[in-house]
C-alpha atoms as a PDB file:
ATOM      1  CA  MET A   1    -136.602   8.403 -19.777  1.00  0.00           C
ATOM      2  CA  SER A   2    -134.503   6.820 -16.262  1.00  0.00           C
ATOM      3  CA  MET A   3    -131.277   6.749 -17.627  1.00  0.00           C
ATOM      4  CA  SER A   4    -131.740  10.430 -18.877  1.00  0.00           C
ATOM      5  CA  THR A   5    -132.560  11.515 -15.453  1.00  0.00           C
ATOM      6  CA  ALA A   6    -129.951   9.569 -13.764  1.00  0.00           C
ATOM      7  CA  ASP A   7    -127.214  10.766 -16.048  1.00  0.00           C
ATOM      8  CA  SER A   8    -128.556  14.110 -14.740  1.00  0.00           C
ATOM      9  CA  PHE A   9    -128.285  13.517 -11.077  1.00  0.00           C
ATOM     10  CA  LEU A  10    -124.867  11.628 -11.085  1.00  0.00           C
ATOM     11  CA  ASN A  11    -123.597  14.866 -13.366  1.00  0.00           C
ATOM     12  CA  ALA A  12    -125.193  16.788 -10.302  1.00  0.00           C
ATOM     13  CA  SER A  13    -123.947  15.108  -7.243  1.00  0.00           C
ATOM     14  CA  ALA A  14    -120.377  14.567  -9.037  1.00  0.00           C
ATOM     15  CA  VAL A  15    -120.013  18.442  -9.351  1.00  0.00           C
ATOM     16  CA  ILE A  16    -121.021  19.051  -6.372  1.00  0.00           C
ATOM     17  CA  VAL A  17    -118.515  16.564  -4.740  1.00  0.00           C
ATOM     18  CA  GLY A  18    -115.546  17.700  -6.455  1.00  0.00           C
ATOM     19  CA  HIS A  19    -116.426  21.663  -6.570  1.00  0.00           C
ATOM     20  CA  ASP A  20    -118.038  22.962  -3.708  1.00  0.00           C
ATOM     21  CA  ILE A  21    -117.765  20.050  -0.645  1.00  0.00           C
ATOM     22  CA  VAL A  22    -113.917  19.601  -1.395  1.00  0.00           C
ATOM     23  CA  ARG A  23    -113.186  22.670  -1.806  1.00  0.00           C
ATOM     24  CA  THR A  24    -114.633  24.034   1.556  1.00  0.00           C
ATOM     25  CA  ILE A  25    -113.481  21.913   3.417  1.00  0.00           C
ATOM     26  CA  LYS A  26    -109.912  22.266   2.125  1.00  0.00           C
ATOM     27  CA  LYS A  27    -109.909  26.576   1.695  1.00  0.00           C
ATOM     28  CA  ASP A  28    -106.483  27.317   1.875  1.00  0.00           C
ATOM     29  CA  LYS A  29    -105.348  24.760  -0.872  1.00  0.00           C
ATOM     30  CA  GLU A  30    -105.208  24.927  -4.216  1.00  0.00           C
ATOM     31  CA  ILE A  31    -106.706  22.495  -6.044  1.00  0.00           C
ATOM     32  CA  THR A  32    -106.472  21.233 -10.100  1.00  0.00           C
ATOM     33  CA  ASN A  33    -109.207  21.053 -12.822  1.00  0.00           C
ATOM     34  CA  SER A  34    -107.568  17.290 -13.213  1.00  0.00           C
ATOM     35  CA  CYS A  35    -108.223  16.443  -9.323  1.00  0.00           C
ATOM     36  CA  GLN A  36    -111.931  18.065  -9.522  1.00  0.00           C
ATOM     37  CA  LEU A  37    -111.936  15.797 -12.595  1.00  0.00           C
ATOM     38  CA  LYS A  38    -110.530  12.516 -11.069  1.00  0.00           C
ATOM     39  CA  ILE A  39    -113.055  13.167  -7.714  1.00  0.00           C
ATOM     40  CA  ALA A  40    -115.844  13.336  -9.772  1.00  0.00           C
ATOM     41  CA  ARG A  41    -115.322  10.465 -11.792  1.00  0.00           C
ATOM     42  CA  CYS A  42    -115.011   8.557  -7.981  1.00  0.00           C
ATOM     43  CA  THR A  43    -117.749  10.042  -6.774  1.00  0.00           C
ATOM     44  CA  THR A  44    -120.437   9.345 -10.249  1.00  0.00           C
ATOM     45  CA  LEU A  45    -118.651   6.015 -10.058  1.00  0.00           C
ATOM     46  CA  VAL A  46    -119.448   5.751  -6.088  1.00  0.00           C
ATOM     47  CA  VAL A  47    -123.096   6.930  -6.307  1.00  0.00           C
ATOM     48  CA  GLY A  48    -123.545   4.884  -9.457  1.00  0.00           C
ATOM     49  CA  LEU A  49    -123.232   1.902  -7.634  1.00  0.00           C
ATOM     50  CA  LEU A  50    -124.746   2.584  -4.435  1.00  0.00           C
ATOM     51  CA  SER A  51    -127.940   4.282  -6.553  1.00  0.00           C
ATOM     52  CA  MET A  52    -128.133   0.237  -8.127  1.00  0.00           C
ATOM     53  CA  LEU A  53    -128.182  -1.115  -5.568  1.00  0.00           C
ATOM     54  CA  LEU A  54    -131.181   0.559  -4.160  1.00  0.00           C
ATOM     55  CA  ALA A  55    -132.874  -0.013  -7.336  1.00  0.00           C
ATOM     56  CA  PHE A  56    -132.377  -3.793  -7.390  1.00  0.00           C
ATOM     57  CA  ARG A  57    -133.139  -3.654  -3.646  1.00  0.00           C
ATOM     58  CA  CYS A  58    -136.430  -2.370  -4.216  1.00  0.00           C
ATOM     59  CA  LYS A  59    -138.074  -2.566  -7.323  1.00  0.00           C
ATOM     60  CA  ASP A  60    -141.001  -0.721  -6.733  1.00  0.00           C
ATOM     61  CA  LEU A  61    -140.388   2.779  -9.070  1.00  0.00           C
ATOM     62  CA  LEU A  62    -143.507   4.463  -6.995  1.00  0.00           C
ATOM     63  CA  LYS A  63    -141.955   3.770  -3.756  1.00  0.00           C
ATOM     64  CA  LEU A  64    -138.468   4.914  -5.012  1.00  0.00           C
ATOM     65  CA  MET A  65    -139.662   8.059  -6.136  1.00  0.00           C
ATOM     66  CA  TYR A  66    -141.459   8.695  -2.599  1.00  0.00           C
ATOM     67  CA  TRP A  67    -138.536   8.018  -0.815  1.00  0.00           C
ATOM     68  CA  SER A  68    -136.506  10.475  -2.774  1.00  0.00           C
ATOM     69  CA  LEU A  69    -139.496  12.828  -2.367  1.00  0.00           C
ATOM     70  CA  SER A  70    -138.896  12.414   1.294  1.00  0.00           C
ATOM     71  CA  PHE A  71    -135.955  13.332   0.824  1.00  0.00           C
ATOM     72  CA  GLN A  72    -135.572  16.135  -1.592  1.00  0.00           C
ATOM     73  CA  VAL A  73    -138.432  18.105  -0.317  1.00  0.00           C
ATOM     74  CA  PRO A  74    -138.022  18.300   3.449  1.00  0.00           C
ATOM     75  CA  ILE A  75    -134.098  18.334   3.182  1.00  0.00           C
ATOM     76  CA  VAL A  76    -133.187  21.154   0.071  1.00  0.00           C
ATOM     77  CA  SER A  77    -136.450  22.808  -1.230  1.00  0.00           C
ATOM     78  CA  ALA A  78    -136.483  25.032   1.608  1.00  0.00           C
ATOM     79  CA  PRO A  79    -132.900  26.538   1.461  1.00  0.00           C
ATOM     80  CA  PHE A  80    -133.009  26.591  -1.960  1.00  0.00           C
ATOM     81  CA  ILE A  81    -136.091  28.560  -1.994  1.00  0.00           C
ATOM     82  CA  LEU A  82    -135.248  31.147   0.197  1.00  0.00           C
ATOM     83  CA  ALA A  83    -131.460  31.462  -1.816  1.00  0.00           C
ATOM     84  CA  ILE A  84    -134.151  32.290  -4.846  1.00  0.00           C
ATOM     85  CA  PHE A  85    -135.650  34.927  -3.074  1.00  0.00           C
ATOM     86  CA  GLY A  86    -132.418  36.356  -1.594  1.00  0.00           C
ATOM     87  CA  PHE A  87    -132.138  34.791   1.697  1.00  0.00           C
ATOM     88  CA  GLN A  88    -128.364  34.346   2.756  1.00  0.00           C
ATOM     89  CA  GLY A  89    -127.506  32.252   5.785  1.00  0.00           C
ATOM     90  CA  THR A  90    -125.006  30.631   7.866  1.00  0.00           C
ATOM     91  CA  SER A  91    -124.094  27.028   7.731  1.00  0.00           C
ATOM     92  CA  ARG A  92    -125.125  26.573  10.913  1.00  0.00           C
ATOM     93  CA  THR A  93    -128.967  27.982   9.742  1.00  0.00           C
ATOM     94  CA  ALA A  94    -129.170  25.791   7.124  1.00  0.00           C
ATOM     95  CA  LEU A  95    -128.015  22.617   8.789  1.00  0.00           C
ATOM     96  CA  ILE A  96    -130.312  23.183  11.845  1.00  0.00           C
ATOM     97  CA  GLY A  97    -133.364  23.904   8.485  1.00  0.00           C
ATOM     98  CA  MET A  98    -132.182  20.551   7.370  1.00  0.00           C
ATOM     99  CA  SER A  99    -132.082  18.448  10.650  1.00  0.00           C
ATOM    100  CA  THR A 100    -135.691  20.294  11.877  1.00  0.00           C
ATOM    101  CA  GLY A 101    -136.956  18.911   8.302  1.00  0.00           C
ATOM    102  CA  ILE A 102    -135.033  15.539   8.993  1.00  0.00           C
ATOM    103  CA  LEU A 103    -136.707  14.640  11.699  1.00  0.00           C
ATOM    104  CA  PHE A 104    -139.951  15.812  11.226  1.00  0.00           C
ATOM    105  CA  ILE A 105    -140.449  13.684   8.141  1.00  0.00           C
ATOM    106  CA  LEU A 106    -139.092  11.123   9.940  1.00  0.00           C
ATOM    107  CA  THR A 107    -141.678  11.425  12.971  1.00  0.00           C
ATOM    108  CA  TRP A 108    -144.336  11.560  10.438  1.00  0.00           C
ATOM    109  CA  ASN A 109    -143.802   8.879   8.848  1.00  0.00           C
ATOM    110  CA  LYS A 110    -143.591   6.636  12.025  1.00  0.00           C
ATOM    111  CA  TRP A 111    -146.543   7.790  13.785  1.00  0.00           C
ATOM    112  CA  ILE A 112    -148.800   9.986  11.415  1.00  0.00           C
ATOM    113  CA  LYS A 113    -148.973   8.821   7.946  1.00  0.00           C
ATOM    114  CA  CYS A 114    -149.764   5.029   8.459  1.00  0.00           C
ATOM    115  CA  THR A 115    -152.533   6.018  10.659  1.00  0.00           C
ATOM    116  CA  THR A 116    -153.784   9.428   7.573  1.00  0.00           C
ATOM    117  CA  GLY A 117    -151.903   8.604   4.802  1.00  0.00           C
ATOM    118  CA  ILE A 118    -150.762  11.503   4.069  1.00  0.00           C
ATOM    119  CA  ASP A 119    -147.662  12.199   2.970  1.00  0.00           C
ATOM    120  CA  GLY A 120    -145.684  14.933   5.311  1.00  0.00           C
ATOM    121  CA  SER A 121    -142.804  16.156   2.702  1.00  0.00           C
ATOM    122  CA  PHE A 122    -144.548  19.413   2.302  1.00  0.00           C
ATOM    123  CA  LEU A 123    -145.119  20.246   5.873  1.00  0.00           C
ATOM    124  CA  ALA A 124    -141.971  19.187   6.464  1.00  0.00           C
ATOM    125  CA  MET A 125    -140.170  21.579   4.175  1.00  0.00           C
ATOM    126  CA  LEU A 126    -142.370  24.270   6.140  1.00  0.00           C
ATOM    127  CA  ALA A 127    -140.797  23.500   9.273  1.00  0.00           C
ATOM    128  CA  ASN A 128    -137.503  23.130   7.913  1.00  0.00           C
ATOM    129  CA  GLY A 129    -138.010  26.944   6.639  1.00  0.00           C
ATOM    130  CA  LEU A 130    -139.506  27.836   9.588  1.00  0.00           C
ATOM    131  CA  ALA A 131    -135.881  26.884  11.721  1.00  0.00           C
ATOM    132  CA  MET A 132    -133.808  28.174   9.235  1.00  0.00           C
ATOM    133  CA  MET A 133    -135.794  31.505  10.466  1.00  0.00           C
ATOM    134  CA  ALA A 134    -135.910  30.926  13.758  1.00  0.00           C
ATOM    135  CA  ALA A 135    -132.124  30.002  14.019  1.00  0.00           C
ATOM    136  CA  HIS A 136    -131.473  33.268  11.885  1.00  0.00           C
ATOM    137  CA  TYR A 137    -133.133  35.731  14.311  1.00  0.00           C
ATOM    138  CA  LEU A 138    -132.981  34.413  17.431  1.00  0.00           C
ATOM    139  CA  LEU A 139    -129.071  32.804  16.895  1.00  0.00           C
ATOM    140  CA  LYS A 140    -126.030  35.294  17.079  1.00  0.00           C
ATOM    141  CA  GLN A 141    -125.181  35.848  12.953  1.00  0.00           C
ATOM    142  CA  PRO A 142    -122.384  37.714  10.745  1.00  0.00           C
ATOM    143  CA  GLU A 143    -123.436  41.055   9.827  1.00  0.00           C
ATOM    144  CA  ASP A 144    -123.547  40.292   5.797  1.00  0.00           C
ATOM    145  CA  THR A 145    -126.553  37.965   6.710  1.00  0.00           C
ATOM    146  CA  GLY A 146    -130.302  37.937   5.977  1.00  0.00           C
ATOM    147  CA  TRP A 147    -131.935  38.849   3.028  1.00  0.00           C
ATOM    148  CA  VAL A 148    -129.668  40.384   0.581  1.00  0.00           C
ATOM    149  CA  LYS A 149    -130.532  43.441  -0.927  1.00  0.00           C
ATOM    150  CA  PRO A 150    -130.047  43.849  -5.020  1.00  0.00           C
ATOM    151  CA  ASP A 151    -127.070  44.804  -6.383  1.00  0.00           C
ATOM    152  CA  ASN A 152    -126.206  46.988  -9.121  1.00  0.00           C
ATOM    153  CA  THR A 153    -126.125  44.347 -11.469  1.00  0.00           C
ATOM    154  CA  PHE A 154    -129.466  42.760 -10.153  1.00  0.00           C
ATOM    155  CA  ARG A 155    -130.672  46.418 -11.030  1.00  0.00           C
ATOM    156  CA  GLN A 156    -129.505  46.656 -14.459  1.00  0.00           C
ATOM    157  CA  ILE A 157    -131.048  42.731 -15.560  1.00  0.00           C
ATOM    158  CA  GLN A 158    -134.232  43.918 -14.156  1.00  0.00           C
ATOM    159  CA  GLN A 159    -134.480  47.473 -15.782  1.00  0.00           C
ATOM    160  CA  GLU A 160    -133.118  45.426 -19.347  1.00  0.00           C
ATOM    161  CA  ASN A 161    -135.427  43.306 -18.600  1.00  0.00           C
ATOM    162  CA  PHE A 162    -138.166  45.802 -18.634  1.00  0.00           C
ATOM    163  CA  ARG A 163    -136.638  47.484 -21.381  1.00  0.00           C
ATOM    164  CA  LYS A 164    -137.380  44.252 -23.688  1.00  0.00           C
ATOM    165  CA  ARG A 165    -141.020  43.376 -22.115  1.00  0.00           C
ATOM    166  CA  SER A 166    -141.855  47.020 -23.186  1.00  0.00           C
ATOM    167  CA  GLU A 167    -140.002  46.510 -26.250  1.00  0.00           C
ATOM    168  CA  ARG A 168    -142.481  43.491 -27.146  1.00  0.00           C
ATOM    169  CA  LYS A 169    -145.711  45.153 -26.001  1.00  0.00           C
ATOM    170  CA  GLU A 170    -145.009  47.902 -28.263  1.00  0.00           C
ATOM    171  CA  ALA A 171    -144.318  45.158 -30.937  1.00  0.00           C
ATOM    172  CA  ILE A 172    -147.240  43.778 -30.361  1.00  0.00           C
ATOM    173  CA  LYS A 173    -149.621  46.688 -30.412  1.00  0.00           C
ATOM    174  CA  ASN A 174    -147.804  48.007 -33.683  1.00  0.00           C
ATOM    175  CA  ALA A 175    -148.154  43.963 -34.888  1.00  0.00           C
ATOM    176  CA  TRP A 176    -152.351  44.235 -33.906  1.00  0.00           C
ATOM    177  CA  GLU A 177    -152.743  47.755 -35.596  1.00  0.00           C
ATOM    178  CA  ASN A 178    -150.981  46.236 -38.892  1.00  0.00           C
ATOM    179  CA  ARG A 179    -153.035  43.330 -38.699  1.00  0.00           C
ATOM    180  CA  LYS A 180    -152.950  42.582 -42.684  1.00  0.00           C
ATOM    181  CA  ILE A 181    -149.418  43.107 -43.225  1.00  0.00           C
ATOM    182  CA  THR A 182    -148.792  40.617 -40.076  1.00  0.00           C
ATOM    183  CA  LEU A 183    -151.094  38.325 -41.529  1.00  0.00           C
ATOM    184  CA  SER A 184    -149.736  38.220 -45.505  1.00  0.00           C
ATOM    185  CA  ASN A 185    -146.102  37.512 -43.487  1.00  0.00           C
ATOM    186  CA  LEU A 186    -147.503  34.458 -41.634  1.00  0.00           C
ATOM    187  CA  ILE A 187    -148.605  32.983 -44.956  1.00  0.00           C
ATOM    188  CA  PRO A 188    -146.060  29.909 -45.758  1.00  0.00           C
ATOM    189  CA  SER A 189    -144.163  29.826 -48.774  1.00  0.00           C
ATOM    190  CA  HIS A 190    -144.553  27.421 -52.063  1.00  0.00           C
ATOM    191  CA  ILE A 191    -141.306  25.393 -51.095  1.00  0.00           C
ATOM    192  CA  THR A 192    -142.617  24.801 -47.434  1.00  0.00           C
ATOM    193  CA  ILE A 193    -146.352  23.765 -48.421  1.00  0.00           C
ATOM    194  CA  VAL A 194    -144.684  21.542 -51.068  1.00  0.00           C
ATOM    195  CA  SER A 195    -142.835  19.714 -48.250  1.00  0.00           C
ATOM    196  CA  VAL A 196    -145.202  19.590 -45.829  1.00  0.00           C
ATOM    197  CA  GLY A 197    -147.136  17.345 -49.063  1.00  0.00           C
ATOM    198  CA  VAL A 198    -144.078  15.056 -49.465  1.00  0.00           C
ATOM    199  CA  TYR A 199    -143.486  14.601 -46.104  1.00  0.00           C
ATOM    200  CA  THR A 200    -147.369  13.661 -45.595  1.00  0.00           C
ATOM    201  CA  THR A 201    -147.518  10.970 -48.542  1.00  0.00           C
ATOM    202  CA  ILE A 202    -144.260   9.117 -47.356  1.00  0.00           C
ATOM    203  CA  SER A 203    -145.431   8.873 -43.994  1.00  0.00           C
ATOM    204  CA  ASN A 204    -149.229   8.037 -45.015  1.00  0.00           C
ATOM    205  CA  LEU A 205    -147.781   4.779 -47.390  1.00  0.00           C
ATOM    206  CA  MET A 206    -144.486   3.531 -45.191  1.00  0.00           C
ATOM    207  CA  ALA A 207    -148.078   3.736 -42.493  1.00  0.00           C
ATOM    208  CA  TYR A 208    -150.559   1.301 -44.844  1.00  0.00           C
ATOM    209  CA  PHE A 209    -146.961  -1.010 -45.770  1.00  0.00           C
ATOM    210  CA  LEU A 210    -145.841  -1.095 -42.690  1.00  0.00           C
ATOM    211  CA  GLY A 211    -149.263  -1.935 -41.594  1.00  0.00           C
ATOM    212  CA  CYS A 212    -149.580   0.682 -38.971  1.00  0.00           C
ATOM    213  CA  ILE A 213    -152.880   1.949 -40.730  1.00  0.00           C
ATOM    214  CA  THR A 214    -155.597  -0.861 -40.305  1.00  0.00           C
ATOM    215  CA  ASN A 215    -158.934   1.056 -41.533  1.00  0.00           C
ATOM    216  CA  HIS A 216    -157.413   1.079 -45.133  1.00  0.00           C
ATOM    217  CA  GLY A 217    -160.158   2.683 -46.322  1.00  0.00           C
ATOM    218  CA  TYR A 218    -161.279   6.424 -46.100  1.00  0.00           C
ATOM    219  CA  TRP A 219    -158.504   7.592 -44.089  1.00  0.00           C
ATOM    220  CA  LEU A 220    -155.683   6.968 -46.498  1.00  0.00           C
ATOM    221  CA  ILE A 221    -157.302   8.031 -49.214  1.00  0.00           C
ATOM    222  CA  PHE A 222    -158.349  11.469 -47.438  1.00  0.00           C
ATOM    223  CA  GLN A 223    -154.714  11.349 -46.471  1.00  0.00           C
ATOM    224  CA  LEU A 224    -153.497  10.588 -49.989  1.00  0.00           C
ATOM    225  CA  PHE A 225    -155.772  13.804 -51.102  1.00  0.00           C
ATOM    226  CA  LEU A 226    -154.520  16.061 -48.630  1.00  0.00           C
ATOM    227  CA  SER A 227    -150.974  15.451 -49.778  1.00  0.00           C
ATOM    228  CA  ALA A 228    -151.406  15.771 -53.038  1.00  0.00           C
ATOM    229  CA  SER A 229    -153.528  19.209 -52.616  1.00  0.00           C
ATOM    230  CA  LEU A 230    -150.644  20.102 -50.935  1.00  0.00           C
ATOM    231  CA  ILE A 231    -147.821  19.226 -53.651  1.00  0.00           C
ATOM    232  CA  GLY A 232    -150.312  21.049 -56.248  1.00  0.00           C
ATOM    233  CA  TYR A 233    -151.105  23.967 -55.133  1.00  0.00           C
ATOM    234  CA  PRO A 234    -148.265  26.251 -56.115  1.00  0.00           C
ATOM    235  CA  PHE A 235    -149.027  25.031 -60.049  1.00  0.00           C
ATOM    236  CA  PHE A 236    -152.507  26.078 -58.863  1.00  0.00           C
ATOM    237  CA  MET A 237    -151.809  28.864 -57.215  1.00  0.00           C
ATOM    238  CA  ILE A 238    -149.548  30.046 -60.835  1.00  0.00           C
ATOM    239  CA  PHE A 239    -152.760  28.742 -62.653  1.00  0.00           C
ATOM    240  CA  LEU A 240    -154.907  31.234 -61.091  1.00  0.00           C
ATOM    241  CA  LYS A 241    -152.285  34.514 -61.532  1.00  0.00           C
ATOM    242  CA  LYS A 242    -152.413  33.395 -65.338  1.00  0.00           C
END
């Protein structure tokens, strides 16, 4: 689980450095895909080694999680949430908000958390968002910044989603009105029932012989009886029809 999360974050950091940061710094120069790949590899190596040093220095996983939340929530969450809701600001606005979040969480951890024991990440995120709003409305900004209105593509996506929801509601309404037909379609096939019976038989016998089942009495008998019933269900139905 830890490695799955680690390689995801390493991949994200490599893409951010190789694609976003370097491309922003070198606006006029064209960066080839091979160069971006080399930068991503170096970033993965450097960030991975630094993460290993941090992990060896602090062996408490819960403390590391608190550190990550203390860095991520006050700095990243507020700009990310505002961007989702359609706010487009400048780099200066984002840096002001992030700096406010960092100063707030450092101040909170130094003077308030030691006495109250309350984590101030959420309050630092609010301070970050309020600082961004204040910087946007108090300082002079370009005309293309602020709350972006939905464009034609977004309106088309909204209309498509509304059409799909209407079709889904209509399908559910028709299925409810024709309940008998809907329920008859849910009956599993004979092959599915026999396959489940074979699976439960093999799994219970393996659990018995490997010693996973400590109670060798009624539970195993019940499971095998249920498996035999599932395997014999198609033959029983054919016998009833005849």
